[in-house]
Amino acid sequence: MFKKILIANRGEIACRVIRTCRSMGIASVAVYSEADAEALHVQMADEAVLIGPAPSRESYLVMEKIIAAAKTTGAQAIHPGYGFLSENETFAKLVEDEGLVFIGPKYAAIASMGDKIASKKLAMASGVNTIPGYNEVILDAQQAVKIAQNIGYPVMLKASAGGGGKGLRVAFNDQQAEEGFI
């Protein structure tokens, strides 16, 4: 069991992790940007470390600052919460490389989650139900149209590396399938 965990997030998710740590007798470390200095997660945590200015790209998304905060405070593990760095394979690997524990999936699992084709194949191989469709790389718009015709409209087109619904297109006909691919 850990003695101290750093939460690499803010807001409600950080508060939830801090409450859980407290109930388990684990010390918590919050990180915060200048804009979050008075935030509830900062007040709730046993310790708090300023990691930069308000823009998240200068604070919550700077991996080196998160790692440094963990090492400075003696945290043994980092809980990423959700969003920010929680699905970043580079961060998960860096945490492990620095001798800390990433509380979440291993970096190899995160890498496979980022590739929608690989993750769907992994899910299917594990017996998880998936949406029927084409599970290989589609090379061009003409191939996308042919596949859509074989499946039957409407179809969803999704970039293999997209996330959070970004890049998702619905096509009801050949023209929309072609346009959605491009």
N, C-alpha and C. Protein backbone atom coordinates (compact mmCIF):
# COMPACT_ATOMS: atom_id res chain seq x y z
N MET A 1 0.84 -1.18 0.00
CA MET A 1 0.00 0.00 0.00
C MET A 1 0.89 1.25 0.00
N PHE A 2 0.43 2.26 -0.67
CA PHE A 2 1.18 3.52 -0.75
C PHE A 2 1.00 4.33 0.53
N LYS A 3 2.01 5.13 0.83
CA LYS A 3 1.91 6.06 1.96
C LYS A 3 1.49 7.44 1.49
N LYS A 4 1.85 7.77 0.21
CA LYS A 4 1.53 9.09 -0.31
C LYS A 4 1.31 9.01 -1.82
N ILE A 5 0.23 9.64 -2.28
CA ILE A 5 -0.13 9.66 -3.71
C ILE A 5 -0.28 11.11 -4.16
N LEU A 6 0.27 11.40 -5.33
CA LEU A 6 0.06 12.70 -5.97
C LEU A 6 -1.08 12.57 -6.96
N ILE A 7 -1.99 13.52 -6.94
CA ILE A 7 -3.11 13.53 -7.89
C ILE A 7 -2.78 14.57 -8.95
N ALA A 8 -2.58 14.11 -10.18
CA ALA A 8 -2.18 14.98 -11.29
C ALA A 8 -3.40 15.54 -12.00
N ASN A 9 -4.27 16.20 -11.24
CA ASN A 9 -5.51 16.72 -11.80
C ASN A 9 -6.06 17.77 -10.85
N ARG A 10 -7.24 18.27 -11.18
CA ARG A 10 -7.87 19.30 -10.35
C ARG A 10 -9.37 19.04 -10.27
N GLY A 11 -10.06 19.86 -9.54
CA GLY A 11 -11.52 19.80 -9.51
C GLY A 11 -12.08 18.58 -8.81
N GLU A 12 -13.28 18.19 -9.25
CA GLU A 12 -14.02 17.11 -8.59
C GLU A 12 -13.27 15.79 -8.57
N ILE A 13 -12.61 15.43 -9.66
CA ILE A 13 -11.91 14.14 -9.67
C ILE A 13 -10.78 14.14 -8.64
N ALA A 14 -10.06 15.25 -8.52
CA ALA A 14 -9.00 15.32 -7.52
C ALA A 14 -9.59 15.20 -6.11
N CYS A 15 -10.72 15.86 -5.87
CA CYS A 15 -11.37 15.78 -4.56
C CYS A 15 -11.80 14.35 -4.24
N ARG A 16 -12.32 13.65 -5.23
CA ARG A 16 -12.73 12.25 -5.01
C ARG A 16 -11.54 11.37 -4.65
N VAL A 17 -10.45 11.55 -5.37
CA VAL A 17 -9.25 10.75 -5.08
C VAL A 17 -8.72 11.09 -3.70
N ILE A 18 -8.72 12.36 -3.35
CA ILE A 18 -8.23 12.77 -2.02
C ILE A 18 -9.10 12.16 -0.93
N ARG A 19 -10.43 12.18 -1.10
CA ARG A 19 -11.32 11.57 -0.10
C ARG A 19 -11.04 10.08 0.05
N THR A 20 -10.82 9.41 -1.08
CA THR A 20 -10.52 7.97 -1.03
C THR A 20 -9.19 7.73 -0.33
N CYS A 21 -8.19 8.53 -0.66
CA CYS A 21 -6.89 8.41 0.02
C CYS A 21 -7.07 8.57 1.53
N ARG A 22 -7.80 9.59 1.91
CA ARG A 22 -8.02 9.85 3.34
C ARG A 22 -8.67 8.65 4.01
N SER A 23 -9.67 8.05 3.35
CA SER A 23 -10.37 6.90 3.95
C SER A 23 -9.47 5.67 4.06
N MET A 24 -8.42 5.63 3.24
CA MET A 24 -7.48 4.51 3.26
C MET A 24 -6.22 4.80 4.08
N GLY A 25 -6.16 5.99 4.66
CA GLY A 25 -4.98 6.35 5.45
C GLY A 25 -3.77 6.69 4.61
N ILE A 26 -4.00 7.15 3.39
CA ILE A 26 -2.91 7.50 2.47
C ILE A 26 -2.85 9.03 2.37
N ALA A 27 -1.66 9.59 2.51
CA ALA A 27 -1.49 11.04 2.36
C ALA A 27 -1.66 11.43 0.90
N SER A 28 -2.20 12.63 0.68
CA SER A 28 -2.45 13.09 -0.68
C SER A 28 -1.68 14.36 -0.98
N VAL A 29 -1.26 14.46 -2.24
CA VAL A 29 -0.58 15.66 -2.73
C VAL A 29 -1.37 16.18 -3.91
N ALA A 30 -1.79 17.44 -3.82
CA ALA A 30 -2.47 18.09 -4.94
C ALA A 30 -1.45 18.91 -5.71
N VAL A 31 -1.69 19.04 -7.00
CA VAL A 31 -0.94 20.00 -7.81
C VAL A 31 -1.94 21.05 -8.25
N TYR A 32 -1.45 22.26 -8.49
CA TYR A 32 -2.37 23.32 -8.88
C TYR A 32 -1.66 24.38 -9.71
N SER A 33 -2.45 25.04 -10.54
CA SER A 33 -1.95 26.18 -11.30
C SER A 33 -2.21 27.44 -10.48
N GLU A 34 -1.66 28.54 -10.90
CA GLU A 34 -1.88 29.81 -10.20
C GLU A 34 -3.36 30.13 -10.09
N ALA A 35 -4.14 29.78 -11.10
CA ALA A 35 -5.58 30.06 -11.08
C ALA A 35 -6.33 29.20 -10.07
N ASP A 36 -5.75 28.07 -9.70
CA ASP A 36 -6.43 27.13 -8.80
C ASP A 36 -5.90 27.17 -7.36
N ALA A 37 -5.16 28.20 -7.01
CA ALA A 37 -4.53 28.27 -5.69
C ALA A 37 -5.52 28.13 -4.54
N GLU A 38 -6.74 28.60 -4.72
CA GLU A 38 -7.75 28.53 -3.65
C GLU A 38 -8.77 27.42 -3.90
N ALA A 39 -8.52 26.56 -4.85
CA ALA A 39 -9.49 25.51 -5.21
C ALA A 39 -9.65 24.49 -4.08
N LEU A 40 -10.80 23.83 -4.08
CA LEU A 40 -11.12 22.88 -3.03
C LEU A 40 -10.11 21.74 -2.95
N HIS A 41 -9.67 21.22 -4.09
CA HIS A 41 -8.73 20.09 -4.04
C HIS A 41 -7.42 20.50 -3.36
N VAL A 42 -7.02 21.74 -3.52
CA VAL A 42 -5.80 22.25 -2.89
C VAL A 42 -6.00 22.32 -1.37
N GLN A 43 -7.16 22.77 -0.96
CA GLN A 43 -7.47 22.88 0.47
C GLN A 43 -7.61 21.51 1.12
N MET A 44 -8.17 20.54 0.40
CA MET A 44 -8.41 19.21 0.96
C MET A 44 -7.15 18.37 1.10
N ALA A 45 -6.20 18.54 0.21
CA ALA A 45 -5.02 17.68 0.18
C ALA A 45 -4.12 17.92 1.39
N ASP A 46 -3.35 16.90 1.73
CA ASP A 46 -2.38 17.02 2.82
C ASP A 46 -1.24 17.96 2.44
N GLU A 47 -0.88 17.97 1.17
CA GLU A 47 0.15 18.86 0.65
C GLU A 47 -0.31 19.35 -0.71
N ALA A 48 0.23 20.49 -1.14
CA ALA A 48 -0.10 21.01 -2.47
C ALA A 48 1.14 21.68 -3.06
N VAL A 49 1.31 21.49 -4.37
CA VAL A 49 2.48 22.01 -5.06
C VAL A 49 2.03 22.84 -6.26
N LEU A 50 2.49 24.07 -6.34
CA LEU A 50 2.23 24.94 -7.48
C LEU A 50 3.05 24.43 -8.67
N ILE A 51 2.37 24.23 -9.81
CA ILE A 51 3.08 23.69 -10.97
C ILE A 51 3.09 24.64 -12.17
N GLY A 52 2.58 25.86 -12.01
CA GLY A 52 2.69 26.80 -13.11
C GLY A 52 1.51 27.73 -13.26
N PRO A 53 1.54 28.53 -14.33
CA PRO A 53 0.47 29.49 -14.58
C PRO A 53 -0.84 28.81 -15.01
N ALA A 54 -1.87 29.62 -15.16
CA ALA A 54 -3.22 29.12 -15.42
C ALA A 54 -3.36 28.22 -16.65
N PRO A 55 -2.78 28.54 -17.79
CA PRO A 55 -3.02 27.65 -18.94
C PRO A 55 -2.54 26.22 -18.64
N SER A 56 -3.40 25.25 -18.89
CA SER A 56 -3.05 23.86 -18.57
C SER A 56 -1.82 23.40 -19.33
N ARG A 57 -1.59 23.94 -20.51
CA ARG A 57 -0.40 23.54 -21.29
C ARG A 57 0.88 23.98 -20.59
N GLU A 58 0.75 24.89 -19.61
CA GLU A 58 1.91 25.37 -18.86
C GLU A 58 1.92 24.84 -17.42
N SER A 59 0.97 23.97 -17.11
CA SER A 59 0.89 23.45 -15.74
C SER A 59 0.48 21.98 -15.74
N TYR A 60 -0.80 21.70 -15.81
CA TYR A 60 -1.30 20.32 -15.68
C TYR A 60 -0.85 19.38 -16.80
N LEU A 61 -0.43 19.92 -17.92
CA LEU A 61 0.01 19.07 -19.04
C LEU A 61 1.53 18.97 -19.14
N VAL A 62 2.25 19.58 -18.23
CA VAL A 62 3.71 19.53 -18.26
C VAL A 62 4.18 18.36 -17.40
N MET A 63 4.50 17.28 -18.07
CA MET A 63 4.84 16.02 -17.39
C MET A 63 5.98 16.19 -16.38
N GLU A 64 7.00 16.92 -16.78
CA GLU A 64 8.18 17.08 -15.92
C GLU A 64 7.83 17.77 -14.61
N LYS A 65 6.88 18.72 -14.66
CA LYS A 65 6.47 19.41 -13.43
C LYS A 65 5.71 18.46 -12.50
N ILE A 66 4.90 17.60 -13.06
CA ILE A 66 4.15 16.62 -12.26
C ILE A 66 5.12 15.64 -11.59
N ILE A 67 6.07 15.13 -12.37
CA ILE A 67 7.06 14.19 -11.84
C ILE A 67 7.89 14.86 -10.74
N ALA A 68 8.33 16.09 -10.99
CA ALA A 68 9.13 16.81 -10.00
C ALA A 68 8.35 17.02 -8.71
N ALA A 69 7.07 17.33 -8.82
CA ALA A 69 6.23 17.52 -7.63
C ALA A 69 6.12 16.23 -6.84
N ALA A 70 5.97 15.12 -7.55
CA ALA A 70 5.88 13.82 -6.87
C ALA A 70 7.18 13.50 -6.14
N LYS A 71 8.29 13.71 -6.80
CA LYS A 71 9.58 13.40 -6.19
C LYS A 71 9.89 14.33 -5.02
N THR A 72 9.59 15.61 -5.18
CA THR A 72 9.86 16.58 -4.12
C THR A 72 9.07 16.26 -2.85
N THR A 73 7.85 15.79 -3.01
CA THR A 73 7.00 15.52 -1.85
C THR A 73 7.12 14.10 -1.33
N GLY A 74 7.84 13.25 -2.04
CA GLY A 74 8.00 11.86 -1.61
C GLY A 74 6.81 10.98 -1.94
N ALA A 75 5.99 11.41 -2.89
CA ALA A 75 4.87 10.56 -3.32
C ALA A 75 5.43 9.32 -4.00
N GLN A 76 4.76 8.20 -3.78
CA GLN A 76 5.21 6.94 -4.39
C GLN A 76 4.46 6.62 -5.67
N ALA A 77 3.32 7.27 -5.85
CA ALA A 77 2.48 6.97 -7.00
C ALA A 77 1.79 8.25 -7.48
N ILE A 78 1.36 8.21 -8.74
CA ILE A 78 0.63 9.32 -9.33
C ILE A 78 -0.70 8.80 -9.85
N HIS A 79 -1.78 9.44 -9.40
CA HIS A 79 -3.12 9.15 -9.92
C HIS A 79 -3.44 10.26 -10.91
N PRO A 80 -3.70 9.92 -12.19
CA PRO A 80 -3.90 10.96 -13.18
C PRO A 80 -5.30 11.57 -13.21
N GLY A 81 -6.26 10.97 -12.51
CA GLY A 81 -7.64 11.43 -12.64
C GLY A 81 -8.14 11.07 -14.02
N TYR A 82 -8.89 11.97 -14.65
CA TYR A 82 -9.29 11.76 -16.04
C TYR A 82 -9.02 13.03 -16.82
N GLY A 83 -8.91 12.89 -18.14
CA GLY A 83 -8.49 14.03 -18.95
C GLY A 83 -7.01 14.30 -18.74
N PHE A 84 -6.58 15.49 -19.07
CA PHE A 84 -5.17 15.89 -18.96
C PHE A 84 -4.23 14.77 -19.42
N LEU A 85 -3.48 14.17 -18.52
CA LEU A 85 -2.47 13.18 -18.88
C LEU A 85 -2.91 11.73 -18.65
N SER A 86 -4.18 11.53 -18.32
CA SER A 86 -4.64 10.20 -17.92
C SER A 86 -4.54 9.15 -19.02
N GLU A 87 -4.60 9.56 -20.27
CA GLU A 87 -4.51 8.61 -21.38
C GLU A 87 -3.27 8.85 -22.23
N ASN A 88 -2.25 9.40 -21.62
CA ASN A 88 -1.02 9.72 -22.33
C ASN A 88 0.02 8.63 -22.04
N GLU A 89 0.29 7.82 -23.05
CA GLU A 89 1.22 6.70 -22.85
C GLU A 89 2.63 7.18 -22.49
N THR A 90 3.05 8.30 -23.04
CA THR A 90 4.37 8.83 -22.73
C THR A 90 4.46 9.18 -21.24
N PHE A 91 3.41 9.79 -20.70
CA PHE A 91 3.39 10.13 -19.28
C PHE A 91 3.42 8.87 -18.42
N ALA A 92 2.59 7.90 -18.75
CA ALA A 92 2.54 6.66 -17.97
C ALA A 92 3.92 5.98 -17.95
N LYS A 93 4.59 5.98 -19.08
CA LYS A 93 5.93 5.37 -19.15
C LYS A 93 6.94 6.20 -18.37
N LEU A 94 6.87 7.51 -18.49
CA LEU A 94 7.78 8.39 -17.76
C LEU A 94 7.63 8.19 -16.25
N VAL A 95 6.40 8.08 -15.78
CA VAL A 95 6.16 7.85 -14.35
C VAL A 95 6.88 6.58 -13.91
N GLU A 96 6.69 5.50 -14.67
CA GLU A 96 7.36 4.23 -14.34
C GLU A 96 8.88 4.35 -14.44
N ASP A 97 9.36 5.01 -15.49
CA ASP A 97 10.81 5.17 -15.67
C ASP A 97 11.45 5.95 -14.52
N GLU A 98 10.66 6.82 -13.90
CA GLU A 98 11.16 7.62 -12.78
C GLU A 98 11.03 6.90 -11.44
N GLY A 99 10.62 5.63 -11.49
CA GLY A 99 10.53 4.84 -10.27
C GLY A 99 9.26 5.04 -9.47
N LEU A 100 8.27 5.65 -10.09
CA LEU A 100 6.98 5.87 -9.44
C LEU A 100 5.95 4.92 -10.04
N VAL A 101 4.80 4.82 -9.41
CA VAL A 101 3.73 3.96 -9.91
C VAL A 101 2.66 4.83 -10.55
N PHE A 102 2.28 4.48 -11.76
CA PHE A 102 1.17 5.14 -12.45
C PHE A 102 -0.10 4.38 -12.08
N ILE A 103 -1.03 5.04 -11.42
CA ILE A 103 -2.28 4.39 -11.02
C ILE A 103 -3.23 4.46 -12.20
N GLY A 104 -3.22 3.41 -12.97
CA GLY A 104 -4.00 3.33 -14.20
C GLY A 104 -3.43 2.25 -15.08
N PRO A 105 -3.86 2.21 -16.32
CA PRO A 105 -3.37 1.18 -17.23
C PRO A 105 -1.88 1.35 -17.52
N LYS A 106 -1.23 0.25 -17.85
CA LYS A 106 0.17 0.30 -18.27
C LYS A 106 0.27 1.08 -19.58
N TYR A 107 1.43 1.65 -19.83
CA TYR A 107 1.58 2.49 -21.02
C TYR A 107 1.30 1.73 -22.31
N ALA A 108 1.61 0.45 -22.36
CA ALA A 108 1.33 -0.32 -23.58
C ALA A 108 -0.18 -0.43 -23.82
N ALA A 109 -0.94 -0.55 -22.75
CA ALA A 109 -2.40 -0.61 -22.88
C ALA A 109 -2.94 0.73 -23.35
N ILE A 110 -2.39 1.81 -22.83
CA ILE A 110 -2.82 3.14 -23.27
C ILE A 110 -2.51 3.33 -24.74
N ALA A 111 -1.36 2.85 -25.18
CA ALA A 111 -1.00 2.96 -26.60
C ALA A 111 -2.01 2.24 -27.47
N SER A 112 -2.43 1.05 -27.06
CA SER A 112 -3.40 0.31 -27.88
C SER A 112 -4.77 0.97 -27.84
N MET A 113 -5.10 1.68 -26.75
CA MET A 113 -6.37 2.39 -26.68
C MET A 113 -6.40 3.55 -27.66
N GLY A 114 -5.25 4.17 -27.91
CA GLY A 114 -5.19 5.31 -28.80
C GLY A 114 -5.40 4.95 -30.25
N ASP A 115 -5.11 3.73 -30.61
CA ASP A 115 -5.31 3.24 -31.98
C ASP A 115 -6.62 2.48 -31.99
N LYS A 116 -7.65 3.08 -32.58
CA LYS A 116 -8.99 2.49 -32.51
C LYS A 116 -9.06 1.12 -33.18
N ILE A 117 -8.29 0.90 -34.23
CA ILE A 117 -8.30 -0.40 -34.90
C ILE A 117 -7.68 -1.45 -33.98
N ALA A 118 -6.52 -1.14 -33.42
CA ALA A 118 -5.85 -2.09 -32.52
C ALA A 118 -6.69 -2.36 -31.28
N SER A 119 -7.31 -1.31 -30.73
CA SER A 119 -8.10 -1.52 -29.51
C SER A 119 -9.35 -2.34 -29.80
N LYS A 120 -9.95 -2.15 -30.97
CA LYS A 120 -11.14 -2.95 -31.32
C LYS A 120 -10.76 -4.41 -31.51
N LYS A 121 -9.63 -4.65 -32.16
CA LYS A 121 -9.17 -6.04 -32.35
C LYS A 121 -8.86 -6.68 -31.00
N LEU A 122 -8.26 -5.93 -30.11
CA LEU A 122 -7.95 -6.43 -28.77
C LEU A 122 -9.24 -6.76 -28.02
N ALA A 123 -10.22 -5.87 -28.10
CA ALA A 123 -11.51 -6.11 -27.44
C ALA A 123 -12.18 -7.36 -28.01
N MET A 124 -12.17 -7.50 -29.33
CA MET A 124 -12.80 -8.66 -29.96
C MET A 124 -12.09 -9.95 -29.55
N ALA A 125 -10.77 -9.91 -29.50
CA ALA A 125 -10.00 -11.10 -29.11
C ALA A 125 -10.26 -11.48 -27.65
N SER A 126 -10.67 -10.49 -26.86
CA SER A 126 -10.97 -10.73 -25.45
C SER A 126 -12.43 -11.10 -25.21
N GLY A 127 -13.21 -11.19 -26.29
CA GLY A 127 -14.60 -11.58 -26.17
C GLY A 127 -15.55 -10.44 -25.84
N VAL A 128 -15.10 -9.20 -26.00
CA VAL A 128 -15.95 -8.04 -25.74
C VAL A 128 -16.79 -7.76 -26.98
N ASN A 129 -18.08 -7.51 -26.79
CA ASN A 129 -18.94 -7.16 -27.92
C ASN A 129 -18.53 -5.81 -28.49
N THR A 130 -18.47 -5.73 -29.80
CA THR A 130 -18.12 -4.49 -30.47
C THR A 130 -19.13 -4.19 -31.56
N ILE A 131 -19.12 -2.97 -32.05
CA ILE A 131 -19.99 -2.59 -33.16
C ILE A 131 -19.46 -3.26 -34.42
N PRO A 132 -20.33 -3.92 -35.18
CA PRO A 132 -19.87 -4.56 -36.41
C PRO A 132 -19.36 -3.51 -37.41
N GLY A 133 -18.41 -3.90 -38.20
CA GLY A 133 -17.89 -2.97 -39.20
C GLY A 133 -16.58 -3.46 -39.77
N TYR A 134 -15.88 -2.57 -40.39
CA TYR A 134 -14.60 -2.86 -41.03
C TYR A 134 -13.49 -2.57 -40.03
N ASN A 135 -12.61 -3.52 -39.83
CA ASN A 135 -11.61 -3.40 -38.77
C ASN A 135 -10.18 -3.33 -39.28
N GLU A 136 -9.99 -2.73 -40.42
CA GLU A 136 -8.66 -2.55 -40.99
C GLU A 136 -8.51 -1.10 -41.44
N VAL A 137 -7.30 -0.71 -41.80
CA VAL A 137 -7.06 0.64 -42.31
C VAL A 137 -7.72 0.78 -43.67
N ILE A 138 -8.41 1.89 -43.87
CA ILE A 138 -9.02 2.22 -45.16
C ILE A 138 -8.09 3.23 -45.84
N LEU A 139 -7.65 2.89 -47.03
CA LEU A 139 -6.59 3.65 -47.68
C LEU A 139 -7.05 4.91 -48.39
N ASP A 140 -8.27 4.91 -48.95
CA ASP A 140 -8.72 6.09 -49.67
C ASP A 140 -10.24 6.18 -49.66
N ALA A 141 -10.75 7.30 -50.16
CA ALA A 141 -12.19 7.56 -50.13
C ALA A 141 -12.98 6.54 -50.95
N GLN A 142 -12.42 6.09 -52.06
CA GLN A 142 -13.13 5.11 -52.89
C GLN A 142 -13.30 3.79 -52.14
N GLN A 143 -12.27 3.37 -51.43
CA GLN A 143 -12.38 2.15 -50.63
C GLN A 143 -13.42 2.35 -49.52
N ALA A 144 -13.45 3.52 -48.92
CA ALA A 144 -14.44 3.81 -47.87
C ALA A 144 -15.85 3.68 -48.42
N VAL A 145 -16.09 4.18 -49.62
CA VAL A 145 -17.42 4.09 -50.24
C VAL A 145 -17.79 2.64 -50.50
N LYS A 146 -16.87 1.85 -51.04
CA LYS A 146 -17.15 0.43 -51.31
C LYS A 146 -17.48 -0.33 -50.03
N ILE A 147 -16.73 -0.08 -48.99
CA ILE A 147 -16.98 -0.75 -47.72
C ILE A 147 -18.33 -0.33 -47.16
N ALA A 148 -18.63 0.96 -47.23
CA ALA A 148 -19.92 1.46 -46.73
C ALA A 148 -21.08 0.83 -47.50
N GLN A 149 -20.91 0.68 -48.81
CA GLN A 149 -21.96 0.04 -49.62
C GLN A 149 -22.17 -1.41 -49.17
N ASN A 150 -21.09 -2.12 -48.89
CA ASN A 150 -21.19 -3.51 -48.44
C ASN A 150 -21.84 -3.62 -47.06
N ILE A 151 -21.54 -2.69 -46.18
CA ILE A 151 -22.13 -2.71 -44.83
C ILE A 151 -23.59 -2.29 -44.91
N GLY A 152 -23.86 -1.26 -45.69
CA GLY A 152 -25.20 -0.69 -45.79
C GLY A 152 -25.29 0.60 -44.98
N TYR A 153 -25.90 1.60 -45.59
CA TYR A 153 -26.02 2.92 -44.95
C TYR A 153 -27.15 2.91 -43.93
N PRO A 154 -27.05 3.76 -42.90
CA PRO A 154 -25.97 4.69 -42.59
C PRO A 154 -24.78 3.97 -41.96
N VAL A 155 -23.61 4.59 -42.08
CA VAL A 155 -22.38 4.08 -41.47
C VAL A 155 -21.71 5.20 -40.68
N MET A 156 -20.88 4.81 -39.73
CA MET A 156 -20.05 5.78 -39.00
C MET A 156 -18.63 5.66 -39.52
N LEU A 157 -18.00 6.78 -39.74
CA LEU A 157 -16.59 6.83 -40.11
C LEU A 157 -15.84 7.43 -38.94
N LYS A 158 -14.75 6.78 -38.55
CA LYS A 158 -13.99 7.23 -37.38
C LYS A 158 -12.51 7.13 -37.68
N ALA A 159 -11.80 8.21 -37.41
CA ALA A 159 -10.35 8.18 -37.55
C ALA A 159 -9.78 7.19 -36.54
N SER A 160 -8.83 6.38 -36.96
CA SER A 160 -8.30 5.35 -36.06
C SER A 160 -7.58 5.93 -34.86
N ALA A 161 -7.08 7.17 -34.97
CA ALA A 161 -6.37 7.77 -33.84
C ALA A 161 -7.19 8.86 -33.16
N GLY A 162 -8.41 9.08 -33.57
CA GLY A 162 -9.24 10.13 -32.95
C GLY A 162 -9.67 9.75 -31.55
N GLY A 163 -10.03 10.73 -30.78
CA GLY A 163 -10.49 10.47 -29.41
C GLY A 163 -11.60 11.41 -29.02
N GLY A 164 -12.41 10.98 -28.07
CA GLY A 164 -13.45 11.84 -27.52
C GLY A 164 -14.54 12.20 -28.50
N GLY A 165 -14.76 11.37 -29.51
CA GLY A 165 -15.79 11.67 -30.49
C GLY A 165 -15.32 12.58 -31.61
N LYS A 166 -14.08 13.05 -31.51
CA LYS A 166 -13.54 13.91 -32.57
C LYS A 166 -13.29 13.06 -33.81
N GLY A 167 -13.64 13.60 -34.93
CA GLY A 167 -13.42 12.87 -36.17
C GLY A 167 -14.50 11.87 -36.51
N LEU A 168 -15.54 11.79 -35.71
CA LEU A 168 -16.64 10.86 -35.97
C LEU A 168 -17.58 11.47 -36.99
N ARG A 169 -17.88 10.73 -38.05
CA ARG A 169 -18.78 11.20 -39.10
C ARG A 169 -19.84 10.14 -39.37
N VAL A 170 -21.05 10.58 -39.67
CA VAL A 170 -22.12 9.67 -40.08
C VAL A 170 -22.36 9.91 -41.56
N ALA A 171 -22.43 8.84 -42.32
CA ALA A 171 -22.68 8.94 -43.76
C ALA A 171 -23.95 8.17 -44.10
N PHE A 172 -24.83 8.81 -44.84
CA PHE A 172 -26.09 8.19 -45.26
C PHE A 172 -26.07 7.78 -46.73
N ASN A 173 -25.00 8.15 -47.45
CA ASN A 173 -24.91 7.81 -48.87
C ASN A 173 -23.44 7.85 -49.31
N ASP A 174 -23.21 7.48 -50.58
CA ASP A 174 -21.85 7.42 -51.11
C ASP A 174 -21.12 8.76 -51.01
N GLN A 175 -21.81 9.84 -51.37
CA GLN A 175 -21.17 11.15 -51.34
C GLN A 175 -20.72 11.52 -49.92
N GLN A 176 -21.59 11.26 -48.93
CA GLN A 176 -21.23 11.58 -47.55
C GLN A 176 -20.10 10.67 -47.05
N ALA A 177 -20.07 9.43 -47.51
CA ALA A 177 -18.97 8.52 -47.12
C ALA A 177 -17.65 9.03 -47.67
N GLU A 178 -17.67 9.48 -48.92
CA GLU A 178 -16.46 10.01 -49.53
C GLU A 178 -16.01 11.29 -48.83
N GLU A 179 -16.96 12.20 -48.59
CA GLU A 179 -16.63 13.46 -47.93
C GLU A 179 -16.19 13.23 -46.48
N GLY A 180 -16.81 12.28 -45.81
CA GLY A 180 -16.47 11.98 -44.42
C GLY A 180 -15.09 11.38 -44.29
N PHE A 181 -14.64 10.68 -45.31
CA PHE A 181 -13.30 10.09 -45.27
C PHE A 181 -12.23 11.16 -45.39
N ILE A 182 -12.51 12.14 -46.24
CA ILE A 182 -11.52 13.20 -46.50
C ILE A 182 -11.52 14.14 -45.36
